[in-house]
Amino acid sequence: MAKVELTDLKAKLLVLLNKEALKRGSFVLSSGKTSNYYLDGRVITLDPEGAYLVGSIILELTKEDKVAAIGGPTLGADPIVGAIAALSHINQIPLKTFIVRKSAKDHGTQRQVEGPGITKGMKVILVDDVATTGKALIEAKEALDKIGVVVSRAIVIVDRLEGAKENLAKVGLPLQSIFNIEDFGLTPS
């Protein structure tokens, strides 16, 4: 994918996010903070065009990373990793994907990390739709650390600029965002 194509994909995604995902009002975020806007990433990642755009952009951003898998915390990462898995197969650069549950299942395989062949020593990237404080990504990293999986970095669609980058840095996890909230003409809450 050429640089011009990445710019075009990002421009299309920004339009879609503004049109479909950005809601104004009073909202309580998963972090517990209140906000006068909400960016519903799943509206985009569960949409055919949005899934394609997000998956394509993340594949382009990670093409030089040499990782074994890409995944992230359920529920925000679920549709993202589905799109990445399908697009990586179509583009003949197959990547394993995974999701990290909030806690291990108490039945079946009793795993917290779900995905084919996610094993000790693997190098992976975490993804999520929106980051506020980074709590979900930190918890996902901790679950992966427990099984010996190496997380090289995290990528989100939108960073709300409310501490996620700094909090992730404290646990040794660089954060890259496709957009930040200022790209929508908003300021952090």
N, C-alpha and C. Protein backbone atom coordinates (compact mmCIF):
# COMPACT_ATOMS: atom_id res chain seq x y z
N MET A 1 0.84 -1.17 0.00
CA MET A 1 0.00 0.00 0.00
C MET A 1 0.89 1.24 0.00
N ALA A 2 0.70 2.13 -0.93
CA ALA A 2 1.51 3.33 -1.05
C ALA A 2 1.09 4.37 -0.01
N LYS A 3 2.00 5.30 0.27
CA LYS A 3 1.75 6.36 1.25
C LYS A 3 0.49 7.16 0.88
N VAL A 4 0.31 7.45 -0.40
CA VAL A 4 -0.87 8.19 -0.84
C VAL A 4 -2.13 7.41 -0.49
N GLU A 5 -2.09 6.11 -0.65
CA GLU A 5 -3.24 5.28 -0.32
C GLU A 5 -3.55 5.35 1.17
N LEU A 6 -2.53 5.34 2.02
CA LEU A 6 -2.75 5.42 3.46
C LEU A 6 -3.41 6.75 3.80
N THR A 7 -2.94 7.82 3.20
CA THR A 7 -3.53 9.14 3.44
C THR A 7 -4.99 9.15 3.01
N ASP A 8 -5.29 8.54 1.88
CA ASP A 8 -6.65 8.48 1.36
C ASP A 8 -7.54 7.64 2.29
N LEU A 9 -7.02 6.51 2.75
CA LEU A 9 -7.78 5.66 3.67
C LEU A 9 -8.10 6.40 4.96
N LYS A 10 -7.10 7.12 5.49
CA LYS A 10 -7.31 7.88 6.72
C LYS A 10 -8.33 9.00 6.52
N ALA A 11 -8.28 9.67 5.38
CA ALA A 11 -9.24 10.74 5.10
C ALA A 11 -10.66 10.19 5.05
N LYS A 12 -10.84 9.05 4.41
CA LYS A 12 -12.16 8.42 4.34
C LYS A 12 -12.63 7.98 5.72
N LEU A 13 -11.72 7.45 6.51
CA LEU A 13 -12.08 7.01 7.86
C LEU A 13 -12.48 8.19 8.73
N LEU A 14 -11.78 9.30 8.62
CA LEU A 14 -12.12 10.48 9.42
C LEU A 14 -13.52 10.98 9.09
N VAL A 15 -13.87 10.99 7.81
CA VAL A 15 -15.22 11.41 7.39
C VAL A 15 -16.25 10.47 8.00
N LEU A 16 -16.01 9.17 7.92
CA LEU A 16 -16.94 8.18 8.46
C LEU A 16 -17.08 8.31 9.97
N LEU A 17 -15.97 8.50 10.66
CA LEU A 17 -16.02 8.68 12.12
C LEU A 17 -16.83 9.91 12.49
N ASN A 18 -16.59 11.02 11.81
CA ASN A 18 -17.32 12.25 12.09
C ASN A 18 -18.81 12.08 11.83
N LYS A 19 -19.15 11.40 10.75
CA LYS A 19 -20.55 11.25 10.34
C LYS A 19 -21.31 10.25 11.21
N GLU A 20 -20.68 9.13 11.54
CA GLU A 20 -21.41 8.03 12.17
C GLU A 20 -21.07 7.77 13.64
N ALA A 21 -19.84 8.04 14.06
CA ALA A 21 -19.40 7.59 15.38
C ALA A 21 -19.39 8.67 16.46
N LEU A 22 -19.23 9.91 16.07
CA LEU A 22 -19.11 10.99 17.04
C LEU A 22 -20.49 11.43 17.51
N LYS A 23 -20.73 11.30 18.80
CA LYS A 23 -22.01 11.69 19.42
C LYS A 23 -21.74 12.79 20.43
N ARG A 24 -22.62 13.75 20.47
CA ARG A 24 -22.49 14.84 21.44
C ARG A 24 -23.61 14.73 22.47
N GLY A 25 -23.31 15.08 23.72
CA GLY A 25 -24.26 14.97 24.81
C GLY A 25 -23.50 14.77 26.10
N SER A 26 -24.09 14.06 27.03
CA SER A 26 -23.42 13.76 28.30
C SER A 26 -23.25 12.25 28.41
N PHE A 27 -22.01 11.80 28.57
CA PHE A 27 -21.72 10.37 28.56
C PHE A 27 -20.78 10.00 29.70
N VAL A 28 -20.97 8.80 30.25
CA VAL A 28 -20.03 8.24 31.20
C VAL A 28 -19.20 7.23 30.42
N LEU A 29 -17.89 7.38 30.46
CA LEU A 29 -16.98 6.52 29.72
C LEU A 29 -16.62 5.28 30.54
N SER A 30 -16.05 4.27 29.89
CA SER A 30 -15.66 3.05 30.61
C SER A 30 -14.62 3.35 31.69
N SER A 31 -13.88 4.44 31.52
CA SER A 31 -12.89 4.85 32.52
C SER A 31 -13.56 5.42 33.77
N GLY A 32 -14.89 5.71 33.66
CA GLY A 32 -15.61 6.33 34.76
C GLY A 32 -15.72 7.84 34.62
N LYS A 33 -14.94 8.41 33.71
CA LYS A 33 -14.99 9.85 33.48
C LYS A 33 -16.28 10.22 32.75
N THR A 34 -16.71 11.47 32.92
CA THR A 34 -17.84 11.96 32.14
C THR A 34 -17.30 12.82 31.01
N SER A 35 -18.05 12.87 29.92
CA SER A 35 -17.60 13.60 28.74
C SER A 35 -18.80 14.20 28.03
N ASN A 36 -18.55 15.30 27.30
CA ASN A 36 -19.61 15.91 26.51
C ASN A 36 -19.65 15.37 25.08
N TYR A 37 -18.85 14.35 24.82
CA TYR A 37 -18.91 13.67 23.53
C TYR A 37 -18.56 12.19 23.74
N TYR A 38 -18.98 11.39 22.79
CA TYR A 38 -18.67 9.95 22.82
C TYR A 38 -18.32 9.53 21.41
N LEU A 39 -17.25 8.81 21.28
CA LEU A 39 -16.86 8.29 19.98
C LEU A 39 -17.11 6.79 20.01
N ASP A 40 -18.15 6.35 19.34
CA ASP A 40 -18.54 4.94 19.34
C ASP A 40 -17.82 4.21 18.21
N GLY A 41 -16.63 3.72 18.53
CA GLY A 41 -15.80 3.06 17.53
C GLY A 41 -16.43 1.84 16.90
N ARG A 42 -17.25 1.12 17.64
CA ARG A 42 -17.86 -0.10 17.10
C ARG A 42 -18.85 0.20 15.98
N VAL A 43 -19.45 1.39 15.98
CA VAL A 43 -20.32 1.77 14.87
C VAL A 43 -19.53 1.73 13.57
N ILE A 44 -18.25 2.05 13.65
CA ILE A 44 -17.38 2.07 12.47
C ILE A 44 -16.77 0.69 12.21
N THR A 45 -16.26 0.04 13.25
CA THR A 45 -15.55 -1.23 13.03
C THR A 45 -16.49 -2.39 12.70
N LEU A 46 -17.78 -2.21 12.95
CA LEU A 46 -18.76 -3.23 12.57
C LEU A 46 -19.46 -2.90 11.26
N ASP A 47 -19.08 -1.80 10.64
CA ASP A 47 -19.59 -1.37 9.35
C ASP A 47 -18.65 -1.91 8.27
N PRO A 48 -19.16 -2.40 7.14
CA PRO A 48 -18.26 -2.95 6.11
C PRO A 48 -17.14 -2.00 5.67
N GLU A 49 -17.50 -0.77 5.34
CA GLU A 49 -16.48 0.18 4.90
C GLU A 49 -15.53 0.53 6.04
N GLY A 50 -16.08 0.76 7.22
CA GLY A 50 -15.25 1.10 8.38
C GLY A 50 -14.29 -0.01 8.74
N ALA A 51 -14.77 -1.26 8.72
CA ALA A 51 -13.91 -2.41 9.03
C ALA A 51 -12.77 -2.49 8.03
N TYR A 52 -13.10 -2.30 6.76
CA TYR A 52 -12.07 -2.33 5.72
C TYR A 52 -11.04 -1.22 5.94
N LEU A 53 -11.51 0.00 6.20
CA LEU A 53 -10.59 1.12 6.37
C LEU A 53 -9.69 0.92 7.58
N VAL A 54 -10.27 0.57 8.72
CA VAL A 54 -9.49 0.39 9.95
C VAL A 54 -8.49 -0.76 9.77
N GLY A 55 -8.96 -1.90 9.27
CA GLY A 55 -8.07 -3.04 9.06
C GLY A 55 -6.94 -2.72 8.10
N SER A 56 -7.25 -2.04 7.02
CA SER A 56 -6.23 -1.68 6.02
C SER A 56 -5.19 -0.72 6.60
N ILE A 57 -5.66 0.27 7.34
CA ILE A 57 -4.74 1.25 7.93
C ILE A 57 -3.82 0.57 8.94
N ILE A 58 -4.37 -0.26 9.80
CA ILE A 58 -3.54 -0.93 10.80
C ILE A 58 -2.55 -1.88 10.14
N LEU A 59 -2.97 -2.60 9.12
CA LEU A 59 -2.03 -3.47 8.41
C LEU A 59 -0.89 -2.66 7.79
N GLU A 60 -1.21 -1.50 7.24
CA GLU A 60 -0.17 -0.64 6.66
C GLU A 60 0.77 -0.13 7.75
N LEU A 61 0.21 0.29 8.89
CA LEU A 61 1.03 0.83 9.98
C LEU A 61 1.93 -0.23 10.61
N THR A 62 1.57 -1.48 10.47
CA THR A 62 2.33 -2.56 11.14
C THR A 62 3.13 -3.43 10.18
N LYS A 63 3.16 -3.09 8.91
CA LYS A 63 3.79 -3.98 7.93
C LYS A 63 5.28 -4.22 8.17
N GLU A 64 5.96 -3.32 8.85
CA GLU A 64 7.39 -3.49 9.12
C GLU A 64 7.66 -4.05 10.52
N ASP A 65 6.63 -4.32 11.29
CA ASP A 65 6.81 -4.69 12.70
C ASP A 65 7.29 -6.12 12.95
N LYS A 66 7.08 -7.00 12.02
CA LYS A 66 7.49 -8.41 12.19
C LYS A 66 6.92 -9.01 13.48
N VAL A 67 5.60 -8.95 13.58
CA VAL A 67 4.91 -9.53 14.73
C VAL A 67 4.20 -10.81 14.30
N ALA A 68 3.93 -11.66 15.29
CA ALA A 68 3.24 -12.92 15.01
C ALA A 68 1.73 -12.76 15.04
N ALA A 69 1.24 -11.74 15.77
CA ALA A 69 -0.20 -11.59 15.91
C ALA A 69 -0.57 -10.17 16.31
N ILE A 70 -1.84 -9.84 16.05
CA ILE A 70 -2.42 -8.57 16.46
C ILE A 70 -3.72 -8.88 17.18
N GLY A 71 -3.94 -8.24 18.31
CA GLY A 71 -5.17 -8.46 19.05
C GLY A 71 -5.39 -7.37 20.06
N GLY A 72 -6.39 -7.58 20.91
CA GLY A 72 -6.65 -6.56 21.91
C GLY A 72 -7.79 -6.93 22.83
N PRO A 73 -8.14 -5.99 23.69
CA PRO A 73 -9.16 -6.25 24.69
C PRO A 73 -10.56 -6.34 24.07
N THR A 74 -11.30 -7.35 24.53
CA THR A 74 -12.69 -7.44 24.11
C THR A 74 -13.44 -6.29 24.77
N LEU A 75 -14.22 -5.66 24.19
CA LEU A 75 -15.04 -5.79 23.01
C LEU A 75 -14.55 -4.84 21.91
N GLY A 76 -13.82 -3.81 22.28
CA GLY A 76 -13.38 -2.83 21.29
C GLY A 76 -12.54 -3.41 20.18
N ALA A 77 -11.68 -4.37 20.52
CA ALA A 77 -10.77 -4.92 19.51
C ALA A 77 -11.40 -6.03 18.67
N ASP A 78 -12.48 -6.62 19.13
CA ASP A 78 -13.04 -7.79 18.44
C ASP A 78 -13.27 -7.58 16.95
N PRO A 79 -14.06 -6.56 16.55
CA PRO A 79 -14.26 -6.39 15.11
C PRO A 79 -13.00 -5.94 14.37
N ILE A 80 -12.12 -5.24 15.05
CA ILE A 80 -10.87 -4.79 14.42
C ILE A 80 -10.03 -6.00 14.04
N VAL A 81 -9.87 -6.94 14.97
CA VAL A 81 -9.01 -8.09 14.67
C VAL A 81 -9.66 -9.01 13.65
N GLY A 82 -10.99 -9.06 13.61
CA GLY A 82 -11.66 -9.83 12.57
C GLY A 82 -11.35 -9.27 11.19
N ALA A 83 -11.41 -7.94 11.07
CA ALA A 83 -11.09 -7.29 9.79
C ALA A 83 -9.63 -7.51 9.42
N ILE A 84 -8.74 -7.39 10.41
CA ILE A 84 -7.31 -7.59 10.14
C ILE A 84 -7.04 -9.03 9.68
N ALA A 85 -7.65 -10.00 10.33
CA ALA A 85 -7.45 -11.40 9.95
C ALA A 85 -7.88 -11.64 8.50
N ALA A 86 -9.07 -11.15 8.15
CA ALA A 86 -9.58 -11.35 6.79
C ALA A 86 -8.72 -10.63 5.76
N LEU A 87 -8.39 -9.37 6.03
CA LEU A 87 -7.59 -8.60 5.07
C LEU A 87 -6.17 -9.15 4.94
N SER A 88 -5.59 -9.62 6.04
CA SER A 88 -4.24 -10.17 5.95
C SER A 88 -4.24 -11.44 5.10
N HIS A 89 -5.30 -12.22 5.19
CA HIS A 89 -5.42 -13.41 4.35
C HIS A 89 -5.58 -13.03 2.87
N ILE A 90 -6.48 -12.10 2.60
CA ILE A 90 -6.71 -11.66 1.23
C ILE A 90 -5.43 -11.11 0.60
N ASN A 91 -4.64 -10.38 1.40
CA ASN A 91 -3.40 -9.78 0.91
C ASN A 91 -2.20 -10.72 0.99
N GLN A 92 -2.45 -11.96 1.34
CA GLN A 92 -1.42 -13.02 1.42
C GLN A 92 -0.28 -12.65 2.37
N ILE A 93 -0.63 -12.01 3.47
CA ILE A 93 0.30 -11.73 4.56
C ILE A 93 -0.38 -12.15 5.87
N PRO A 94 -0.78 -13.42 5.95
CA PRO A 94 -1.64 -13.84 7.07
C PRO A 94 -1.03 -13.57 8.44
N LEU A 95 -1.85 -12.96 9.27
CA LEU A 95 -1.48 -12.67 10.65
C LEU A 95 -2.47 -13.37 11.57
N LYS A 96 -1.97 -13.93 12.64
CA LYS A 96 -2.86 -14.46 13.65
C LYS A 96 -3.47 -13.29 14.40
N THR A 97 -4.66 -13.49 14.92
CA THR A 97 -5.29 -12.46 15.73
C THR A 97 -5.80 -13.09 17.02
N PHE A 98 -6.08 -12.24 18.00
CA PHE A 98 -6.52 -12.74 19.30
C PHE A 98 -7.34 -11.67 20.01
N ILE A 99 -8.08 -12.11 21.01
CA ILE A 99 -8.78 -11.18 21.89
C ILE A 99 -8.42 -11.53 23.32
N VAL A 100 -8.45 -10.52 24.17
CA VAL A 100 -8.14 -10.71 25.58
C VAL A 100 -9.41 -10.44 26.38
N ARG A 101 -9.87 -11.46 27.09
CA ARG A 101 -11.04 -11.31 27.95
C ARG A 101 -10.67 -10.51 29.19
N LYS A 102 -11.68 -9.96 29.86
CA LYS A 102 -11.43 -9.25 31.12
C LYS A 102 -10.89 -10.19 32.18
N SER A 103 -11.34 -11.44 32.13
CA SER A 103 -10.83 -12.47 33.04
C SER A 103 -10.94 -13.82 32.34
N ALA A 104 -10.19 -14.79 32.86
CA ALA A 104 -10.20 -16.13 32.26
C ALA A 104 -11.58 -16.76 32.41
N LYS A 105 -11.97 -17.55 31.42
CA LYS A 105 -13.23 -18.29 31.51
C LYS A 105 -13.14 -19.29 32.66
N ASP A 106 -14.27 -19.60 33.26
CA ASP A 106 -14.27 -20.62 34.31
C ASP A 106 -14.72 -21.97 33.76
N HIS A 107 -14.79 -22.10 32.45
CA HIS A 107 -15.18 -23.36 31.81
C HIS A 107 -14.33 -23.56 30.56
N GLY A 108 -14.50 -24.69 29.91
CA GLY A 108 -13.77 -24.96 28.67
C GLY A 108 -12.26 -24.92 28.87
N THR A 109 -11.58 -24.14 28.06
CA THR A 109 -10.12 -24.07 28.13
C THR A 109 -9.63 -23.14 29.24
N GLN A 110 -10.52 -22.38 29.83
CA GLN A 110 -10.22 -21.48 30.94
C GLN A 110 -9.13 -20.47 30.59
N ARG A 111 -9.15 -20.00 29.36
CA ARG A 111 -8.15 -19.02 28.92
C ARG A 111 -8.69 -17.61 29.01
N GLN A 112 -7.77 -16.69 29.20
CA GLN A 112 -8.10 -15.28 29.14
C GLN A 112 -7.77 -14.72 27.76
N VAL A 113 -6.78 -15.31 27.11
CA VAL A 113 -6.39 -14.89 25.77
C VAL A 113 -6.90 -15.92 24.78
N GLU A 114 -7.75 -15.49 23.86
CA GLU A 114 -8.35 -16.38 22.88
C GLU A 114 -7.79 -16.10 21.49
N GLY A 115 -7.34 -17.14 20.84
CA GLY A 115 -6.82 -17.00 19.48
C GLY A 115 -5.96 -18.19 19.14
N PRO A 116 -5.79 -18.44 17.85
CA PRO A 116 -5.01 -19.61 17.43
C PRO A 116 -3.51 -19.45 17.69
N GLY A 117 -2.96 -20.34 18.48
CA GLY A 117 -1.51 -20.43 18.66
C GLY A 117 -0.84 -19.23 19.28
N ILE A 118 -1.48 -18.54 20.20
CA ILE A 118 -0.84 -17.42 20.89
C ILE A 118 -0.03 -18.03 22.03
N THR A 119 1.30 -18.03 21.86
CA THR A 119 2.16 -18.75 22.79
C THR A 119 3.31 -17.90 23.32
N LYS A 120 3.91 -18.41 24.37
CA LYS A 120 5.04 -17.75 25.03
C LYS A 120 6.12 -17.37 24.01
N GLY A 121 6.65 -16.15 24.17
CA GLY A 121 7.73 -15.68 23.31
C GLY A 121 7.27 -14.95 22.06
N MET A 122 5.98 -15.06 21.71
CA MET A 122 5.48 -14.36 20.53
C MET A 122 5.55 -12.85 20.74
N LYS A 123 5.80 -12.13 19.65
CA LYS A 123 5.76 -10.67 19.66
C LYS A 123 4.44 -10.25 19.02
N VAL A 124 3.68 -9.41 19.73
CA VAL A 124 2.35 -9.01 19.25
C VAL A 124 2.15 -7.50 19.38
N ILE A 125 1.10 -7.03 18.73
CA ILE A 125 0.65 -5.64 18.84
C ILE A 125 -0.77 -5.66 19.38
N LEU A 126 -1.06 -4.73 20.28
CA LEU A 126 -2.42 -4.57 20.78
C LEU A 126 -3.13 -3.47 20.01
N VAL A 127 -4.44 -3.67 19.78
CA VAL A 127 -5.27 -2.66 19.12
C VAL A 127 -6.54 -2.46 19.93
N ASP A 128 -7.13 -1.29 19.78
CA ASP A 128 -8.42 -0.99 20.40
C ASP A 128 -9.05 0.15 19.61
N ASP A 129 -10.33 0.39 19.84
CA ASP A 129 -10.97 1.45 19.08
C ASP A 129 -10.64 2.84 19.63
N VAL A 130 -10.89 3.07 20.91
CA VAL A 130 -10.68 4.37 21.51
C VAL A 130 -9.90 4.21 22.81
N ALA A 131 -8.98 5.13 23.07
CA ALA A 131 -8.23 5.11 24.33
C ALA A 131 -8.49 6.41 25.09
N THR A 132 -8.83 6.25 26.36
CA THR A 132 -9.00 7.40 27.24
C THR A 132 -7.85 7.38 28.25
N THR A 133 -7.91 6.46 29.19
CA THR A 133 -6.83 6.32 30.18
C THR A 133 -5.87 5.19 29.81
N GLY A 134 -6.28 4.32 28.90
CA GLY A 134 -5.46 3.18 28.50
C GLY A 134 -5.66 1.95 29.37
N LYS A 135 -6.60 2.00 30.29
CA LYS A 135 -6.80 0.91 31.26
C LYS A 135 -7.01 -0.45 30.58
N ALA A 136 -7.88 -0.52 29.58
CA ALA A 136 -8.15 -1.80 28.92
C ALA A 136 -6.90 -2.36 28.25
N LEU A 137 -6.11 -1.49 27.63
CA LEU A 137 -4.88 -1.94 26.98
C LEU A 137 -3.85 -2.40 28.01
N ILE A 138 -3.77 -1.71 29.13
CA ILE A 138 -2.84 -2.12 30.19
C ILE A 138 -3.25 -3.47 30.75
N GLU A 139 -4.55 -3.68 30.98
CA GLU A 139 -5.02 -4.97 31.48
C GLU A 139 -4.76 -6.08 30.47
N ALA A 140 -4.93 -5.79 29.19
CA ALA A 140 -4.64 -6.78 28.15
C ALA A 140 -3.16 -7.13 28.15
N LYS A 141 -2.31 -6.11 28.27
CA LYS A 141 -0.86 -6.35 28.32
C LYS A 141 -0.50 -7.22 29.52
N GLU A 142 -1.09 -6.94 30.66
CA GLU A 142 -0.82 -7.74 31.86
C GLU A 142 -1.21 -9.20 31.66
N ALA A 143 -2.33 -9.45 31.01
CA ALA A 143 -2.76 -10.83 30.73
C ALA A 143 -1.77 -11.52 29.79
N LEU A 144 -1.27 -10.79 28.81
CA LEU A 144 -0.29 -11.35 27.87
C LEU A 144 1.06 -11.57 28.56
N ASP A 145 1.44 -10.65 29.42
CA ASP A 145 2.68 -10.80 30.18
C ASP A 145 2.66 -12.11 30.98
N LYS A 146 1.51 -12.43 31.57
CA LYS A 146 1.38 -13.65 32.39
C LYS A 146 1.67 -14.92 31.61
N ILE A 147 1.40 -14.90 30.30
CA ILE A 147 1.66 -16.10 29.50
C ILE A 147 2.93 -15.97 28.65
N GLY A 148 3.71 -14.92 28.91
CA GLY A 148 5.01 -14.77 28.26
C GLY A 148 4.96 -14.22 26.85
N VAL A 149 3.86 -13.57 26.47
CA VAL A 149 3.76 -12.96 25.15
C VAL A 149 4.29 -11.53 25.24
N VAL A 150 5.10 -11.13 24.27
CA VAL A 150 5.75 -9.82 24.27
C VAL A 150 4.91 -8.83 23.47
N VAL A 151 4.46 -7.78 24.12
CA VAL A 151 3.66 -6.75 23.45
C VAL A 151 4.60 -5.61 23.06
N SER A 152 4.71 -5.35 21.75
CA SER A 152 5.66 -4.34 21.29
C SER A 152 5.10 -2.93 21.30
N ARG A 153 3.80 -2.79 21.03
CA ARG A 153 3.17 -1.47 21.04
C ARG A 153 1.67 -1.63 20.95
N ALA A 154 0.97 -0.49 21.07
CA ALA A 154 -0.48 -0.48 20.94
C ALA A 154 -0.88 0.55 19.90
N ILE A 155 -1.95 0.25 19.18
CA ILE A 155 -2.50 1.16 18.18
C ILE A 155 -4.00 1.30 18.44
N VAL A 156 -4.48 2.53 18.44
CA VAL A 156 -5.91 2.78 18.59
C VAL A 156 -6.39 3.64 17.44
N ILE A 157 -7.69 3.59 17.19
CA ILE A 157 -8.26 4.44 16.15
C ILE A 157 -8.21 5.89 16.62
N VAL A 158 -8.67 6.13 17.86
CA VAL A 158 -8.70 7.51 18.38
C VAL A 158 -8.16 7.55 19.81
N ASP A 159 -7.23 8.43 20.04
CA ASP A 159 -6.73 8.74 21.37
C ASP A 159 -7.45 9.99 21.84
N ARG A 160 -8.17 9.88 22.95
CA ARG A 160 -8.92 11.03 23.49
C ARG A 160 -7.99 12.06 24.17
N LEU A 161 -6.70 11.76 24.22
CA LEU A 161 -5.70 12.65 24.83
C LEU A 161 -6.01 12.93 26.31
N GLU A 162 -6.37 11.87 27.02
CA GLU A 162 -6.70 11.99 28.44
C GLU A 162 -5.84 11.07 29.31
N GLY A 163 -4.61 10.86 28.88
CA GLY A 163 -3.66 10.13 29.71
C GLY A 163 -3.28 8.74 29.24
N ALA A 164 -3.92 8.21 28.22
CA ALA A 164 -3.61 6.85 27.77
C ALA A 164 -2.14 6.70 27.36
N LYS A 165 -1.65 7.62 26.56
CA LYS A 165 -0.27 7.52 26.07
C LYS A 165 0.72 7.52 27.24
N GLU A 166 0.50 8.40 28.21
CA GLU A 166 1.39 8.49 29.36
C GLU A 166 1.27 7.25 30.26
N ASN A 167 0.05 6.78 30.48
CA ASN A 167 -0.16 5.59 31.31
C ASN A 167 0.44 4.34 30.67
N LEU A 168 0.31 4.22 29.36
CA LEU A 168 0.89 3.07 28.67
C LEU A 168 2.42 3.16 28.69
N ALA A 169 2.96 4.35 28.56
CA ALA A 169 4.42 4.53 28.61
C ALA A 169 4.98 4.04 29.95
N LYS A 170 4.22 4.25 31.03
CA LYS A 170 4.66 3.82 32.36
C LYS A 170 4.83 2.31 32.45
N VAL A 171 4.11 1.55 31.61
CA VAL A 171 4.25 0.09 31.61
C VAL A 171 5.05 -0.39 30.40
N GLY A 172 5.76 0.56 29.76
CA GLY A 172 6.64 0.20 28.66
C GLY A 172 5.95 -0.10 27.35
N LEU A 173 4.78 0.50 27.14
CA LEU A 173 4.01 0.21 25.93
C LEU A 173 3.76 1.50 25.14
N PRO A 174 4.47 1.69 24.02
CA PRO A 174 4.23 2.87 23.20
C PRO A 174 2.83 2.83 22.58
N LEU A 175 2.19 3.99 22.50
CA LEU A 175 0.85 4.09 21.90
C LEU A 175 0.92 4.92 20.64
N GLN A 176 0.34 4.39 19.57
CA GLN A 176 0.18 5.12 18.32
C GLN A 176 -1.32 5.21 18.05
N SER A 177 -1.77 6.38 17.62
CA SER A 177 -3.18 6.51 17.26
C SER A 177 -3.29 6.93 15.80
N ILE A 178 -4.35 6.46 15.16
CA ILE A 178 -4.62 6.89 13.80
C ILE A 178 -5.05 8.35 13.83
N PHE A 179 -5.88 8.69 14.82
CA PHE A 179 -6.33 10.06 15.04
C PHE A 179 -6.28 10.36 16.53
N ASN A 180 -6.33 11.64 16.86
CA ASN A 180 -6.58 12.02 18.25
C ASN A 180 -7.80 12.94 18.23
N ILE A 181 -8.32 13.20 19.41
CA ILE A 181 -9.60 13.91 19.49
C ILE A 181 -9.53 15.31 18.88
N GLU A 182 -8.36 15.90 18.84
CA GLU A 182 -8.22 17.23 18.21
C GLU A 182 -8.47 17.19 16.72
N ASP A 183 -8.31 16.02 16.09
CA ASP A 183 -8.61 15.88 14.66
C ASP A 183 -10.10 16.07 14.38
N PHE A 184 -10.92 16.03 15.43
CA PHE A 184 -12.37 16.20 15.30
C PHE A 184 -12.79 17.60 15.75
N GLY A 185 -11.81 18.48 16.00
CA GLY A 185 -12.10 19.83 16.44
C GLY A 185 -12.52 19.90 17.90
N LEU A 186 -12.20 18.85 18.68
CA LEU A 186 -12.56 18.80 20.08
C LEU A 186 -11.30 18.87 20.94
N THR A 187 -11.49 19.19 22.20
CA THR A 187 -10.37 19.20 23.14
C THR A 187 -10.63 18.11 24.18
N PRO A 188 -9.58 17.62 24.81
CA PRO A 188 -9.76 16.59 25.84
C PRO A 188 -10.72 17.07 26.93
N SER A 189 -11.51 16.14 27.46
CA SER A 189 -12.48 16.48 28.51
C SER A 189 -11.79 16.85 29.81
